[in-house]
């Protein structure tokens, strides 16, 4: 099982060719395509091994929740600075 976004080992890795192709797609930089492949694999009632690897792929490519918090904080700070600038120069 891959930990922390690591790609499982290559040819000897467990799982079907579809799962390995999805991980290879992630390694090539196509995260959106890899996530779509993983969802498609999960929708096809895969073997337990393939299910685990596809779920690992989805977890490895998920956007961290903290990132949304930082983006919101940045937007609030920008809005406050803009409001201060508008009140000062109005």
N, C-alpha and C. Protein backbone atom coordinates (compact mmCIF):
# COMPACT_ATOMS: atom_id res chain seq x y z
N UNK A 1 0.83 -1.16 0.00
CA UNK A 1 0.00 0.00 0.00
C UNK A 1 0.89 1.24 0.00
N UNK A 2 0.57 2.21 -0.84
CA UNK A 2 1.36 3.43 -0.94
C UNK A 2 1.04 4.35 0.22
N UNK A 3 2.05 5.02 0.73
CA UNK A 3 1.88 5.94 1.84
C UNK A 3 2.26 7.34 1.40
N UNK A 4 1.47 8.31 1.77
CA UNK A 4 1.81 9.70 1.54
C UNK A 4 2.01 10.08 0.10
N UNK A 5 1.22 9.55 -0.82
CA UNK A 5 1.32 9.92 -2.21
C UNK A 5 2.39 9.21 -2.99
N UNK A 6 3.05 8.23 -2.39
CA UNK A 6 4.08 7.49 -3.10
C UNK A 6 3.43 6.56 -4.10
N UNK A 7 4.04 6.43 -5.24
CA UNK A 7 3.56 5.49 -6.24
C UNK A 7 4.04 4.10 -5.88
N UNK A 8 3.14 3.13 -5.90
CA UNK A 8 3.57 1.76 -5.63
C UNK A 8 4.61 1.31 -6.65
N UNK A 9 5.43 0.32 -6.31
CA UNK A 9 6.46 -0.15 -7.23
C UNK A 9 5.87 -0.60 -8.57
N UNK A 10 6.72 -0.60 -9.57
CA UNK A 10 6.32 -0.84 -10.95
C UNK A 10 5.74 -2.19 -11.33
N UNK A 11 6.40 -2.92 -12.23
CA UNK A 11 5.81 -4.10 -12.86
C UNK A 11 5.40 -5.19 -11.89
N UNK A 12 6.11 -5.38 -10.81
CA UNK A 12 5.77 -6.43 -9.87
C UNK A 12 4.68 -6.01 -8.89
N UNK A 13 4.18 -4.79 -9.04
CA UNK A 13 3.19 -4.27 -8.10
C UNK A 13 1.87 -5.01 -8.25
N UNK A 14 1.18 -5.18 -7.14
CA UNK A 14 -0.13 -5.83 -7.23
C UNK A 14 -1.13 -4.92 -7.92
N UNK A 15 -2.17 -5.51 -8.47
CA UNK A 15 -3.20 -4.72 -9.13
C UNK A 15 -3.23 -4.98 -10.62
N UNK A 16 -4.32 -4.55 -11.21
CA UNK A 16 -4.50 -4.76 -12.64
C UNK A 16 -3.71 -3.72 -13.44
N UNK A 17 -3.69 -3.95 -14.75
CA UNK A 17 -3.01 -3.00 -15.64
C UNK A 17 -3.69 -1.63 -15.60
N UNK A 18 -5.02 -1.61 -15.43
CA UNK A 18 -5.75 -0.33 -15.38
C UNK A 18 -5.29 0.50 -14.19
N UNK A 19 -5.13 -0.14 -13.04
CA UNK A 19 -4.70 0.57 -11.84
C UNK A 19 -3.27 1.08 -12.01
N UNK A 20 -2.40 0.25 -12.54
CA UNK A 20 -1.02 0.69 -12.77
C UNK A 20 -0.98 1.83 -13.79
N UNK A 21 -1.86 1.78 -14.80
CA UNK A 21 -1.91 2.86 -15.78
C UNK A 21 -2.38 4.16 -15.14
N UNK A 22 -3.33 4.07 -14.22
CA UNK A 22 -3.81 5.27 -13.53
C UNK A 22 -2.69 5.89 -12.69
N UNK A 23 -1.92 5.04 -11.98
CA UNK A 23 -0.80 5.55 -11.20
C UNK A 23 0.27 6.15 -12.12
N UNK A 24 0.51 5.53 -13.26
CA UNK A 24 1.49 6.06 -14.21
C UNK A 24 1.04 7.41 -14.74
N UNK A 25 -0.27 7.55 -14.94
CA UNK A 25 -0.81 8.82 -15.42
C UNK A 25 -0.59 9.91 -14.38
N UNK A 26 -0.75 9.55 -13.10
CA UNK A 26 -0.49 10.51 -12.02
C UNK A 26 0.97 10.92 -12.02
N UNK A 27 1.86 9.95 -12.18
CA UNK A 27 3.30 10.25 -12.19
C UNK A 27 3.69 11.12 -13.38
N UNK A 28 2.95 11.00 -14.47
CA UNK A 28 3.23 11.81 -15.65
C UNK A 28 2.72 13.24 -15.50
N UNK A 29 1.94 13.49 -14.42
CA UNK A 29 1.46 14.85 -14.17
C UNK A 29 0.00 15.05 -14.47
N UNK A 30 -0.69 14.04 -14.97
CA UNK A 30 -2.12 14.16 -15.30
C UNK A 30 -2.95 13.69 -14.10
N UNK A 31 -3.03 14.54 -13.09
CA UNK A 31 -3.73 14.18 -11.86
C UNK A 31 -5.23 14.06 -12.10
N UNK A 32 -5.79 14.96 -12.88
CA UNK A 32 -7.23 14.90 -13.15
C UNK A 32 -7.59 13.62 -13.89
N UNK A 33 -6.81 13.26 -14.88
CA UNK A 33 -7.04 12.02 -15.61
C UNK A 33 -6.87 10.79 -14.74
N UNK A 34 -5.88 10.83 -13.85
CA UNK A 34 -5.66 9.71 -12.93
C UNK A 34 -6.83 9.55 -11.98
N UNK A 35 -7.36 10.67 -11.48
CA UNK A 35 -8.52 10.60 -10.58
C UNK A 35 -9.74 10.07 -11.33
N UNK A 36 -9.92 10.47 -12.58
CA UNK A 36 -11.04 9.96 -13.38
C UNK A 36 -10.90 8.46 -13.59
N UNK A 37 -9.70 8.02 -13.88
CA UNK A 37 -9.46 6.58 -14.05
C UNK A 37 -9.76 5.81 -12.77
N UNK A 38 -9.33 6.37 -11.64
CA UNK A 38 -9.57 5.69 -10.35
C UNK A 38 -11.06 5.60 -10.06
N UNK A 39 -11.80 6.67 -10.33
CA UNK A 39 -13.26 6.63 -10.13
C UNK A 39 -13.92 5.61 -11.05
N UNK A 40 -13.44 5.55 -12.29
CA UNK A 40 -14.00 4.59 -13.25
C UNK A 40 -13.72 3.16 -12.78
N UNK A 41 -12.52 2.92 -12.27
CA UNK A 41 -12.17 1.59 -11.77
C UNK A 41 -13.06 1.22 -10.58
N UNK A 42 -13.28 2.17 -9.68
CA UNK A 42 -14.13 1.90 -8.53
C UNK A 42 -15.59 1.65 -8.92
N UNK A 43 -16.03 2.27 -10.00
CA UNK A 43 -17.41 2.08 -10.46
C UNK A 43 -17.63 0.71 -11.10
N UNK A 44 -16.57 0.03 -11.47
CA UNK A 44 -16.68 -1.26 -12.16
C UNK A 44 -16.66 -2.46 -11.22
N UNK A 45 -16.84 -2.26 -9.91
CA UNK A 45 -16.79 -3.34 -8.92
C UNK A 45 -15.48 -4.14 -9.06
N UNK A 46 -14.35 -3.50 -8.73
CA UNK A 46 -13.04 -4.15 -8.89
C UNK A 46 -12.77 -5.17 -7.79
N UNK A 47 -11.68 -5.87 -7.95
CA UNK A 47 -11.22 -6.80 -6.90
C UNK A 47 -10.82 -5.96 -5.68
N UNK A 48 -10.78 -6.58 -4.50
CA UNK A 48 -10.39 -5.82 -3.30
C UNK A 48 -9.02 -5.14 -3.42
N UNK A 49 -8.10 -5.81 -4.08
CA UNK A 49 -6.76 -5.26 -4.27
C UNK A 49 -6.82 -4.00 -5.15
N UNK A 50 -7.55 -4.08 -6.27
CA UNK A 50 -7.68 -2.93 -7.16
C UNK A 50 -8.44 -1.81 -6.47
N UNK A 51 -9.46 -2.15 -5.68
CA UNK A 51 -10.23 -1.14 -4.96
C UNK A 51 -9.31 -0.37 -4.01
N UNK A 52 -8.47 -1.08 -3.28
CA UNK A 52 -7.57 -0.44 -2.33
C UNK A 52 -6.59 0.48 -3.04
N UNK A 53 -6.03 0.01 -4.14
CA UNK A 53 -5.05 0.83 -4.89
C UNK A 53 -5.72 2.06 -5.50
N UNK A 54 -6.97 1.90 -6.01
CA UNK A 54 -7.67 3.05 -6.59
C UNK A 54 -8.02 4.07 -5.50
N UNK A 55 -8.44 3.59 -4.33
CA UNK A 55 -8.72 4.50 -3.22
C UNK A 55 -7.45 5.20 -2.74
N UNK A 56 -6.34 4.48 -2.74
CA UNK A 56 -5.05 5.10 -2.40
C UNK A 56 -4.72 6.22 -3.38
N UNK A 57 -4.99 5.99 -4.65
CA UNK A 57 -4.73 7.00 -5.66
C UNK A 57 -5.59 8.23 -5.43
N UNK A 58 -6.87 8.03 -5.12
CA UNK A 58 -7.74 9.17 -4.85
C UNK A 58 -7.29 9.94 -3.62
N UNK A 59 -6.86 9.24 -2.58
CA UNK A 59 -6.36 9.92 -1.38
C UNK A 59 -5.06 10.67 -1.67
N UNK A 60 -4.20 10.09 -2.48
CA UNK A 60 -2.90 10.71 -2.78
C UNK A 60 -3.04 11.97 -3.62
N UNK A 61 -4.12 12.08 -4.38
CA UNK A 61 -4.29 13.22 -5.27
C UNK A 61 -5.34 14.21 -4.79
N UNK A 62 -5.87 14.01 -3.58
CA UNK A 62 -6.88 14.92 -3.04
C UNK A 62 -6.22 16.23 -2.61
N UNK A 63 -6.97 17.31 -2.75
CA UNK A 63 -6.50 18.62 -2.31
C UNK A 63 -6.60 18.69 -0.79
N UNK A 64 -5.53 19.06 -0.10
CA UNK A 64 -5.58 19.16 1.35
C UNK A 64 -6.58 20.22 1.80
N UNK A 65 -7.35 19.92 2.84
CA UNK A 65 -8.37 20.85 3.33
C UNK A 65 -7.75 22.15 3.82
N UNK A 66 -6.55 22.10 4.37
CA UNK A 66 -5.90 23.31 4.87
C UNK A 66 -5.68 24.32 3.75
N UNK A 67 -5.51 23.85 2.53
CA UNK A 67 -5.30 24.75 1.41
C UNK A 67 -6.50 25.66 1.19
N UNK A 68 -7.70 25.11 1.37
CA UNK A 68 -8.91 25.93 1.23
C UNK A 68 -8.97 26.99 2.31
N UNK A 69 -8.53 26.65 3.52
CA UNK A 69 -8.50 27.63 4.61
C UNK A 69 -7.54 28.77 4.31
N UNK A 70 -6.36 28.43 3.81
CA UNK A 70 -5.40 29.47 3.46
C UNK A 70 -5.90 30.35 2.32
N UNK A 71 -6.57 29.77 1.36
CA UNK A 71 -7.14 30.56 0.26
C UNK A 71 -8.21 31.51 0.77
N UNK A 72 -9.06 31.03 1.68
CA UNK A 72 -10.09 31.89 2.26
C UNK A 72 -9.45 33.01 3.07
N UNK A 73 -8.44 32.68 3.86
CA UNK A 73 -7.73 33.71 4.64
C UNK A 73 -7.12 34.76 3.71
N UNK A 74 -6.51 34.34 2.62
CA UNK A 74 -5.94 35.28 1.66
C UNK A 74 -6.99 36.18 1.04
N UNK A 75 -8.15 35.62 0.72
CA UNK A 75 -9.24 36.41 0.13
C UNK A 75 -9.76 37.43 1.14
N UNK A 76 -9.88 37.04 2.41
CA UNK A 76 -10.34 37.97 3.44
C UNK A 76 -9.34 39.10 3.62
N UNK A 77 -8.07 38.77 3.69
CA UNK A 77 -7.04 39.82 3.84
C UNK A 77 -7.05 40.77 2.65
N UNK A 78 -7.19 40.22 1.45
CA UNK A 78 -7.26 41.07 0.26
C UNK A 78 -8.48 41.99 0.31
N UNK A 79 -9.62 41.46 0.73
CA UNK A 79 -10.83 42.28 0.82
C UNK A 79 -10.68 43.39 1.86
N UNK A 80 -10.06 43.07 3.00
CA UNK A 80 -9.84 44.08 4.04
C UNK A 80 -8.90 45.17 3.52
N UNK A 81 -7.83 44.78 2.88
CA UNK A 81 -6.89 45.78 2.34
C UNK A 81 -7.55 46.64 1.26
N UNK A 82 -8.36 46.04 0.43
CA UNK A 82 -9.07 46.79 -0.60
C UNK A 82 -10.06 47.77 0.04
N UNK A 83 -10.78 47.32 1.06
CA UNK A 83 -11.72 48.20 1.75
C UNK A 83 -11.00 49.37 2.42
N UNK A 84 -9.85 49.10 3.04
CA UNK A 84 -9.07 50.17 3.66
C UNK A 84 -8.58 51.17 2.62
N UNK A 85 -8.14 50.68 1.49
CA UNK A 85 -7.66 51.57 0.43
C UNK A 85 -8.81 52.43 -0.11
N UNK A 86 -9.97 51.83 -0.28
CA UNK A 86 -11.12 52.57 -0.81
C UNK A 86 -11.59 53.64 0.18
N UNK A 87 -11.58 53.32 1.47
CA UNK A 87 -12.01 54.32 2.46
C UNK A 87 -11.00 55.43 2.60
N UNK A 88 -9.73 55.14 2.44
CA UNK A 88 -8.72 56.18 2.58
C UNK A 88 -8.73 57.15 1.40
N UNK A 89 -8.91 56.63 0.20
CA UNK A 89 -8.82 57.46 -0.99
C UNK A 89 -10.15 57.84 -1.58
N UNK A 90 -11.22 57.67 -0.83
CA UNK A 90 -12.56 58.08 -1.32
C UNK A 90 -12.88 59.49 -0.88
